[in-house]
C-alpha atoms as a PDB file:
ATOM      1  CA  MET A   1      29.505  61.218 -39.010  1.00  0.00           C
ATOM      2  CA  GLY A   2      27.273  63.689 -39.778  1.00  0.00           C
ATOM      3  CA  LYS A   3      24.616  60.161 -40.829  1.00  0.00           C
ATOM      4  CA  LEU A   4      25.324  59.391 -37.698  1.00  0.00           C
ATOM      5  CA  LYS A   5      24.619  62.382 -35.590  1.00  0.00           C
ATOM      6  CA  SER A   6      21.509  62.784 -37.326  1.00  0.00           C
ATOM      7  CA  SER A   7      20.506  59.262 -37.023  1.00  0.00           C
ATOM      8  CA  LYS A   8      20.951  59.111 -33.106  1.00  0.00           C
ATOM      9  CA  ARG A   9      18.905  62.890 -32.843  1.00  0.00           C
ATOM     10  CA  PHE A  10      16.166  61.359 -34.739  1.00  0.00           C
ATOM     11  CA  GLU A  11      15.771  58.428 -32.515  1.00  0.00           C
ATOM     12  CA  ILE A  12      16.099  60.801 -29.174  1.00  0.00           C
ATOM     13  CA  THR A  13      13.215  62.682 -30.616  1.00  0.00           C
ATOM     14  CA  LEU A  14      11.518  59.685 -31.638  1.00  0.00           C
ATOM     15  CA  LEU A  15      11.526  58.220 -28.068  1.00  0.00           C
ATOM     16  CA  LEU A  16      10.591  61.672 -26.628  1.00  0.00           C
ATOM     17  CA  ILE A  17       8.061  61.954 -28.566  1.00  0.00           C
ATOM     18  CA  LEU A  18       6.827  58.270 -27.741  1.00  0.00           C
ATOM     19  CA  MET A  19       7.320  59.235 -23.985  1.00  0.00           C
ATOM     20  CA  THR A  20       5.396  62.452 -24.365  1.00  0.00           C
ATOM     21  CA  LEU A  21       2.372  60.408 -25.965  1.00  0.00           C
ATOM     22  CA  PHE A  22       2.539  57.724 -23.187  1.00  0.00           C
ATOM     23  CA  CYS A  23       2.387  60.394 -20.396  1.00  0.00           C
ATOM     24  CA  PHE A  24      -0.484  62.235 -22.540  1.00  0.00           C
ATOM     25  CA  SER A  25      -2.102  58.727 -22.734  1.00  0.00           C
ATOM     26  CA  LEU A  26      -1.971  57.937 -18.745  1.00  0.00           C
ATOM     27  CA  SER A  27      -3.535  61.549 -17.828  1.00  0.00           C
ATOM     28  CA  LEU A  28      -6.370  60.659 -20.019  1.00  0.00           C
ATOM     29  CA  PHE A  29      -6.924  57.261 -18.824  1.00  0.00           C
ATOM     30  CA  ARG A  30      -7.238  58.489 -15.137  1.00  0.00           C
ATOM     31  CA  TYR A  31      -9.468  61.320 -16.541  1.00  0.00           C
ATOM     32  CA  TYR A  32     -11.571  58.992 -18.205  1.00  0.00           C
ATOM     33  CA  ILE A  33     -11.619  57.001 -14.584  1.00  0.00           C
ATOM     34  CA  SER A  34     -12.026  59.359 -12.143  1.00  0.00           C
ATOM     35  CA  GLU A  35     -13.683  61.978 -14.269  1.00  0.00           C
ATOM     36  CA  THR A  36     -11.522  64.646 -11.991  1.00  0.00           C
ATOM     37  CA  LYS A  37      -8.941  66.871 -13.880  1.00  0.00           C
ATOM     38  CA  VAL A  38      -6.418  66.666 -11.106  1.00  0.00           C
ATOM     39  CA  PHE A  39      -3.253  66.030 -13.474  1.00  0.00           C
ATOM     40  CA  LEU A  40      -4.396  67.718 -16.732  1.00  0.00           C
ATOM     41  CA  PHE A  41      -2.488  70.354 -15.745  1.00  0.00           C
ATOM     42  CA  LEU A  42       0.702  68.067 -16.019  1.00  0.00           C
ATOM     43  CA  ASN A  43       0.552  68.439 -20.274  1.00  0.00           C
ATOM     44  CA  TRP A  44       0.652  72.123 -20.139  1.00  0.00           C
ATOM     45  CA  ASN A  45       3.688  71.765 -17.968  1.00  0.00           C
ATOM     46  CA  LEU A  46       5.553  68.684 -20.337  1.00  0.00           C
ATOM     47  CA  PHE A  47       4.848  71.411 -23.058  1.00  0.00           C
ATOM     48  CA  LEU A  48       6.974  74.049 -21.489  1.00  0.00           C
ATOM     49  CA  ALA A  49       9.730  71.679 -20.676  1.00  0.00           C
ATOM     50  CA  TRP A  50       9.896  70.843 -24.530  1.00  0.00           C
ATOM     51  CA  ILE A  51      10.557  74.638 -25.382  1.00  0.00           C
ATOM     52  CA  PRO A  52      14.366  74.010 -23.943  1.00  0.00           C
ATOM     53  CA  PHE A  53      14.290  70.929 -26.290  1.00  0.00           C
ATOM     54  CA  PHE A  54      12.963  73.290 -29.311  1.00  0.00           C
ATOM     55  CA  ILE A  55      15.051  75.993 -29.009  1.00  0.00           C
ATOM     56  CA  SER A  56      18.526  73.780 -28.866  1.00  0.00           C
ATOM     57  CA  SER A  57      17.526  71.816 -31.446  1.00  0.00           C
ATOM     58  CA  PHE A  58      16.964  74.953 -34.182  1.00  0.00           C
ATOM     59  CA  LEU A  59      20.144  76.256 -33.006  1.00  0.00           C
ATOM     60  CA  VAL A  60      21.655  72.725 -33.538  1.00  0.00           C
ATOM     61  CA  ILE A  61      19.773  71.441 -36.951  1.00  0.00           C
ATOM     62  CA  PHE A  62      20.213  74.831 -38.371  1.00  0.00           C
ATOM     63  CA  LYS A  63      23.746  75.275 -37.636  1.00  0.00           C
ATOM     64  CA  ILE A  64      23.550  78.793 -36.339  1.00  0.00           C
ATOM     65  CA  ARG A  65      27.007  80.557 -35.657  1.00  0.00           C
ATOM     66  CA  SER A  66      26.212  84.067 -35.274  1.00  0.00           C
ATOM     67  CA  LYS A  67      27.561  84.709 -31.762  1.00  0.00           C
ATOM     68  CA  LEU A  68      24.970  87.562 -30.860  1.00  0.00           C
ATOM     69  CA  SER A  69      22.383  84.926 -32.492  1.00  0.00           C
ATOM     70  CA  LEU A  70      23.451  82.482 -29.919  1.00  0.00           C
ATOM     71  CA  VAL A  71      23.958  84.569 -27.019  1.00  0.00           C
ATOM     72  CA  VAL A  72      19.970  85.900 -27.448  1.00  0.00           C
ATOM     73  CA  ALA A  73      18.875  82.200 -28.074  1.00  0.00           C
ATOM     74  CA  ILE A  74      20.935  80.743 -25.332  1.00  0.00           C
ATOM     75  CA  THR A  75      19.274  83.989 -22.842  1.00  0.00           C
ATOM     76  CA  VAL A  76      16.014  83.006 -23.946  1.00  0.00           C
ATOM     77  CA  TRP A  77      16.785  79.197 -23.644  1.00  0.00           C
ATOM     78  CA  ILE A  78      17.935  79.919 -19.475  1.00  0.00           C
ATOM     79  CA  LEU A  79      14.536  81.535 -18.673  1.00  0.00           C
ATOM     80  CA  PHE A  80      12.628  78.571 -20.048  1.00  0.00           C
ATOM     81  CA  PHE A  81      15.132  75.628 -18.911  1.00  0.00           C
ATOM     82  CA  PRO A  82      13.891  75.678 -15.691  1.00  0.00           C
ATOM     83  CA  ASN A  83      10.845  74.098 -17.159  1.00  0.00           C
ATOM     84  CA  SER A  84      12.632  70.948 -17.618  1.00  0.00           C
ATOM     85  CA  PRO A  85      13.512  69.715 -13.957  1.00  0.00           C
ATOM     86  CA  TYR A  86      10.261  71.992 -12.476  1.00  0.00           C
ATOM     87  CA  ILE A  87       7.999  68.520 -12.648  1.00  0.00           C
ATOM     88  CA  LEU A  88       9.961  67.129 -10.616  1.00  0.00           C
ATOM     89  CA  THR A  89       8.318  69.561  -7.848  1.00  0.00           C
ATOM     90  CA  ASP A  90       5.287  68.270  -8.974  1.00  0.00           C
ATOM     91  CA  LEU A  91       5.379  65.208  -6.613  1.00  0.00           C
ATOM     92  CA  PHE A  92       4.246  67.378  -3.976  1.00  0.00           C
ATOM     93  CA  HIS A  93       0.952  66.556  -5.232  1.00  0.00           C
ATOM     94  CA  LEU A  94       0.814  63.119  -4.161  1.00  0.00           C
ATOM     95  CA  ARG A  95      -1.521  61.871  -2.179  1.00  0.00           C
ATOM     96  CA  ASN A  96      -4.123  59.107  -1.588  1.00  0.00           C
ATOM     97  CA  ARG A  97      -7.158  59.915  -3.362  1.00  0.00           C
ATOM     98  CA  ASN A  98     -10.445  57.717  -3.339  1.00  0.00           C
ATOM     99  CA  SER A  99     -11.516  57.425  -7.069  1.00  0.00           C
ATOM    100  CA  ILE A 100      -7.316  56.251  -8.188  1.00  0.00           C
ATOM    101  CA  PRO A 101      -4.467  54.438  -6.572  1.00  0.00           C
ATOM    102  CA  ILE A 102      -1.720  56.026  -5.383  1.00  0.00           C
ATOM    103  CA  TRP A 103       1.035  53.962  -7.035  1.00  0.00           C
ATOM    104  CA  TYR A 104      -0.975  55.173 -10.575  1.00  0.00           C
ATOM    105  CA  ASP A 105      -0.782  58.672  -9.952  1.00  0.00           C
ATOM    106  CA  LEU A 106       3.456  58.356  -8.632  1.00  0.00           C
ATOM    107  CA  VAL A 107       3.813  56.314 -12.175  1.00  0.00           C
ATOM    108  CA  VAL A 108       2.005  59.348 -13.765  1.00  0.00           C
ATOM    109  CA  ILE A 109       4.219  62.226 -11.967  1.00  0.00           C
ATOM    110  CA  LEU A 110       7.345  59.959 -12.679  1.00  0.00           C
ATOM    111  CA  SER A 111       6.395  59.974 -16.417  1.00  0.00           C
ATOM    112  CA  TYR A 112       6.122  63.350 -16.854  1.00  0.00           C
ATOM    113  CA  ALA A 113       8.968  64.553 -14.501  1.00  0.00           C
ATOM    114  CA  TRP A 114      11.170  62.151 -16.493  1.00  0.00           C
ATOM    115  CA  THR A 115      10.102  63.286 -19.781  1.00  0.00           C
ATOM    116  CA  GLY A 116      10.525  66.897 -18.995  1.00  0.00           C
ATOM    117  CA  LEU A 117      13.733  66.433 -17.461  1.00  0.00           C
ATOM    118  CA  PHE A 118      15.387  64.426 -20.530  1.00  0.00           C
ATOM    119  CA  CYS A 119      14.013  67.116 -22.836  1.00  0.00           C
ATOM    120  CA  GLY A 120      15.969  69.603 -20.905  1.00  0.00           C
ATOM    121  CA  PHE A 121      18.847  67.347 -20.326  1.00  0.00           C
ATOM    122  CA  VAL A 122      19.170  66.703 -24.182  1.00  0.00           C
ATOM    123  CA  SER A 123      18.839  70.297 -24.541  1.00  0.00           C
ATOM    124  CA  LEU A 124      21.491  70.938 -21.881  1.00  0.00           C
ATOM    125  CA  LEU A 125      24.002  68.469 -24.287  1.00  0.00           C
ATOM    126  CA  ASP A 126      23.169  71.105 -27.402  1.00  0.00           C
ATOM    127  CA  ILE A 127      23.879  73.785 -25.561  1.00  0.00           C
ATOM    128  CA  GLU A 128      27.141  72.613 -24.550  1.00  0.00           C
ATOM    129  CA  LYS A 129      28.169  71.381 -28.028  1.00  0.00           C
ATOM    130  CA  LEU A 130      27.755  75.158 -29.728  1.00  0.00           C
ATOM    131  CA  LEU A 131      29.365  76.111 -27.129  1.00  0.00           C
ATOM    132  CA  SER A 132      32.923  74.005 -27.740  1.00  0.00           C
ATOM    133  CA  ASP A 133      33.316  76.062 -30.753  1.00  0.00           C
ATOM    134  CA  TYR A 134      34.014  78.976 -28.710  1.00  0.00           C
ATOM    135  CA  CYS A 135      34.964  77.619 -24.874  1.00  0.00           C
ATOM    136  CA  ARG A 136      37.462  75.170 -23.720  1.00  0.00           C
ATOM    137  CA  ARG A 137      36.012  71.825 -21.869  1.00  0.00           C
ATOM    138  CA  SER A 138      36.644  72.915 -18.649  1.00  0.00           C
ATOM    139  CA  VAL A 139      34.979  76.760 -19.384  1.00  0.00           C
ATOM    140  CA  ILE A 140      31.932  74.571 -20.504  1.00  0.00           C
ATOM    141  CA  ASN A 141      31.893  72.397 -17.418  1.00  0.00           C
ATOM    142  CA  ILE A 142      32.016  75.361 -15.045  1.00  0.00           C
ATOM    143  CA  MET A 143      29.190  77.307 -17.219  1.00  0.00           C
ATOM    144  CA  THR A 144      26.951  73.606 -17.036  1.00  0.00           C
ATOM    145  CA  ILE A 145      26.936  73.980 -13.426  1.00  0.00           C
ATOM    146  CA  SER A 146      26.151  77.088 -13.209  1.00  0.00           C
ATOM    147  CA  PHE A 147      23.500  76.406 -15.567  1.00  0.00           C
ATOM    148  CA  LEU A 148      21.757  73.933 -13.464  1.00  0.00           C
ATOM    149  CA  PHE A 149      22.053  76.078 -10.138  1.00  0.00           C
ATOM    150  CA  ILE A 150      20.605  79.019 -11.577  1.00  0.00           C
ATOM    151  CA  THR A 151      17.550  76.499 -13.112  1.00  0.00           C
ATOM    152  CA  SER A 152      17.328  75.200  -9.424  1.00  0.00           C
ATOM    153  CA  PHE A 153      16.949  78.941  -8.053  1.00  0.00           C
ATOM    154  CA  GLY A 154      14.406  78.875 -10.932  1.00  0.00           C
ATOM    155  CA  VAL A 155      12.349  76.071 -10.187  1.00  0.00           C
ATOM    156  CA  TYR A 156      12.161  77.688  -6.683  1.00  0.00           C
ATOM    157  CA  LEU A 157      10.737  80.513  -8.078  1.00  0.00           C
ATOM    158  CA  GLY A 158       8.320  78.558 -10.019  1.00  0.00           C
ATOM    159  CA  ARG A 159       7.383  76.356  -7.304  1.00  0.00           C
ATOM    160  CA  PHE A 160       7.319  78.482  -4.146  1.00  0.00           C
ATOM    161  CA  LEU A 161       6.515  81.964  -5.238  1.00  0.00           C
ATOM    162  CA  ARG A 162       4.609  81.242  -8.246  1.00  0.00           C
ATOM    163  CA  TRP A 163       7.028  82.691 -10.978  1.00  0.00           C
ATOM    164  CA  ASN A 164       6.783  81.691 -14.364  1.00  0.00           C
ATOM    165  CA  SER A 165       9.503  82.688 -17.638  1.00  0.00           C
ATOM    166  CA  TRP A 166       6.486  84.817 -18.934  1.00  0.00           C
ATOM    167  CA  ASP A 167       7.003  87.087 -16.151  1.00  0.00           C
ATOM    168  CA  ILE A 168       9.912  88.585 -17.438  1.00  0.00           C
ATOM    169  CA  LEU A 169       7.813  90.016 -19.734  1.00  0.00           C
ATOM    170  CA  SER A 170       4.374  90.302 -17.715  1.00  0.00           C
ATOM    171  CA  ASN A 171       6.145  91.499 -14.284  1.00  0.00           C
ATOM    172  CA  PRO A 172       9.796  92.144 -14.209  1.00  0.00           C
ATOM    173  CA  PHE A 173       9.932  94.372 -11.892  1.00  0.00           C
ATOM    174  CA  GLY A 174       8.126  92.325  -9.140  1.00  0.00           C
ATOM    175  CA  LEU A 175      10.258  89.324 -10.251  1.00  0.00           C
ATOM    176  CA  PHE A 176      13.268  91.143 -10.311  1.00  0.00           C
ATOM    177  CA  ASN A 177      12.616  92.698  -6.374  1.00  0.00           C
ATOM    178  CA  ASP A 178      11.812  89.096  -5.416  1.00  0.00           C
ATOM    179  CA  ILE A 179      15.284  87.800  -6.835  1.00  0.00           C
ATOM    180  CA  LEU A 180      17.045  91.224  -5.369  1.00  0.00           C
ATOM    181  CA  LEU A 181      15.462  90.492  -1.866  1.00  0.00           C
ATOM    182  CA  ARG A 182      16.719  87.276  -1.715  1.00  0.00           C
ATOM    183  CA  ILE A 183      20.026  88.150  -2.743  1.00  0.00           C
ATOM    184  CA  VAL A 184      20.323  90.917  -0.474  1.00  0.00           C
ATOM    185  CA  TYR A 185      19.114  88.855   2.441  1.00  0.00           C
ATOM    186  CA  PRO A 186      20.075  85.588   2.180  1.00  0.00           C
ATOM    187  CA  THR A 187      19.712  84.754   5.936  1.00  0.00           C
ATOM    188  CA  ASN A 188      15.898  85.738   5.864  1.00  0.00           C
ATOM    189  CA  HIS A 189      15.449  83.508   3.042  1.00  0.00           C
ATOM    190  CA  ILE A 190      16.975  80.220   3.985  1.00  0.00           C
ATOM    191  CA  GLN A 191      14.453  78.170   2.358  1.00  0.00           C
ATOM    192  CA  THR A 192      15.320  79.533  -1.118  1.00  0.00           C
ATOM    193  CA  TRP A 193      19.043  78.760  -0.817  1.00  0.00           C
ATOM    194  CA  GLY A 194      18.130  75.529   0.685  1.00  0.00           C
ATOM    195  CA  VAL A 195      16.131  74.507  -2.413  1.00  0.00           C
ATOM    196  CA  THR A 196      18.542  75.562  -4.801  1.00  0.00           C
ATOM    197  CA  VAL A 197      21.708  74.335  -3.258  1.00  0.00           C
ATOM    198  CA  PHE A 198      19.921  71.120  -2.822  1.00  0.00           C
ATOM    199  CA  MET A 199      18.579  70.649  -6.215  1.00  0.00           C
ATOM    200  CA  GLY A 200      21.453  72.301  -7.777  1.00  0.00           C
ATOM    201  CA  VAL A 201      23.673  69.569  -6.491  1.00  0.00           C
ATOM    202  CA  MET A 202      21.088  66.652  -7.415  1.00  0.00           C
ATOM    203  CA  LEU A 203      20.770  68.429 -10.957  1.00  0.00           C
ATOM    204  CA  ASN A 204      24.606  67.979 -11.551  1.00  0.00           C
ATOM    205  CA  PHE A 205      24.824  64.791 -10.578  1.00  0.00           C
ATOM    206  CA  MET A 206      21.955  63.417 -12.237  1.00  0.00           C
ATOM    207  CA  TYR A 207      23.137  65.353 -15.615  1.00  0.00           C
ATOM    208  CA  PHE A 208      26.900  64.342 -15.552  1.00  0.00           C
ATOM    209  CA  MET A 209      26.043  60.608 -14.596  1.00  0.00           C
ATOM    210  CA  MET A 210      23.722  60.800 -17.717  1.00  0.00           C
ATOM    211  CA  LYS A 211      26.742  61.987 -19.835  1.00  0.00           C
ATOM    212  CA  SER A 212      28.739  59.341 -17.746  1.00  0.00           C
ATOM    213  CA  VAL A 213      26.503  56.586 -19.156  1.00  0.00           C
ATOM    214  CA  ARG A 214      26.115  58.015 -22.476  1.00  0.00           C
ATOM    215  CA  ASN A 215      30.090  57.677 -22.965  1.00  0.00           C
ATOM    216  CA  LEU A 216      30.129  54.050 -22.031  1.00  0.00           C
ATOM    217  CA  ASN A 217      29.776  52.586 -25.280  1.00  0.00           C
ATOM    218  CA  ARG A 218      31.914  55.396 -27.152  1.00  0.00           C
ATOM    219  CA  PRO A 219      35.158  54.383 -28.643  1.00  0.00           C
ATOM    220  CA  THR A 220      38.423  55.337 -26.522  1.00  0.00           C
ATOM    221  CA  PHE A 221      39.834  57.026 -29.215  1.00  0.00           C
ATOM    222  CA  ALA A 222      36.612  59.319 -29.387  1.00  0.00           C
ATOM    223  CA  ILE A 223      36.548  59.968 -25.715  1.00  0.00           C
ATOM    224  CA  LYS A 224      39.930  60.926 -25.859  1.00  0.00           C
ATOM    225  CA  ASN A 225      40.023  63.417 -29.214  1.00  0.00           C
ATOM    226  CA  GLN A 226      36.460  65.034 -27.301  1.00  0.00           C
ATOM    227  CA  GLN A 227      38.698  65.865 -24.129  1.00  0.00           C
ATOM    228  CA  THR A 228      41.557  67.280 -26.030  1.00  0.00           C
END
């Protein structure tokens, strides 16, 4: 069973690396043809999207079991997790440009967005696995749903208020002030909660649908054992 799990992880990691290289080649080709740096920033966004995957992979591979270490690592993971679905919002940059057809730019953005989102979802699966040693399945599901809504709020902070994960260290008071204003005066910030709720629902559907597909080819007895 251990070898099977390690081979699956190698396969997923390899696919993510290959998809990342594909994304990078798309942006380089675009730069070569158009001689503009319009979408080169997507490479930085994708690097940030990999960070949650790096964190969760480290925890799983090295079998970190200390409760304190897990709490600290998962807290850091939560701070960086919104970077994974954030690239979905880069669709805002899609528009007709003379140098490159719009269909090519659509493929570029969607490729980056899917790769980043998948990095995040795999890392969330890892976190669920780690939490399964300490929590019941129902509790983990509630935590997962909460993570994804918190993530949507984080995406809003990044896209519309231009905060990023590093600002928790560089400007914590400014970040906290913006968050507190939206919690204390929710009716004054309809956009905030609209993005948070609707994107949160979407991410939850996407994640749990991915998990359902993942279970399609698993033996029935294995699924039953996992549920118990």
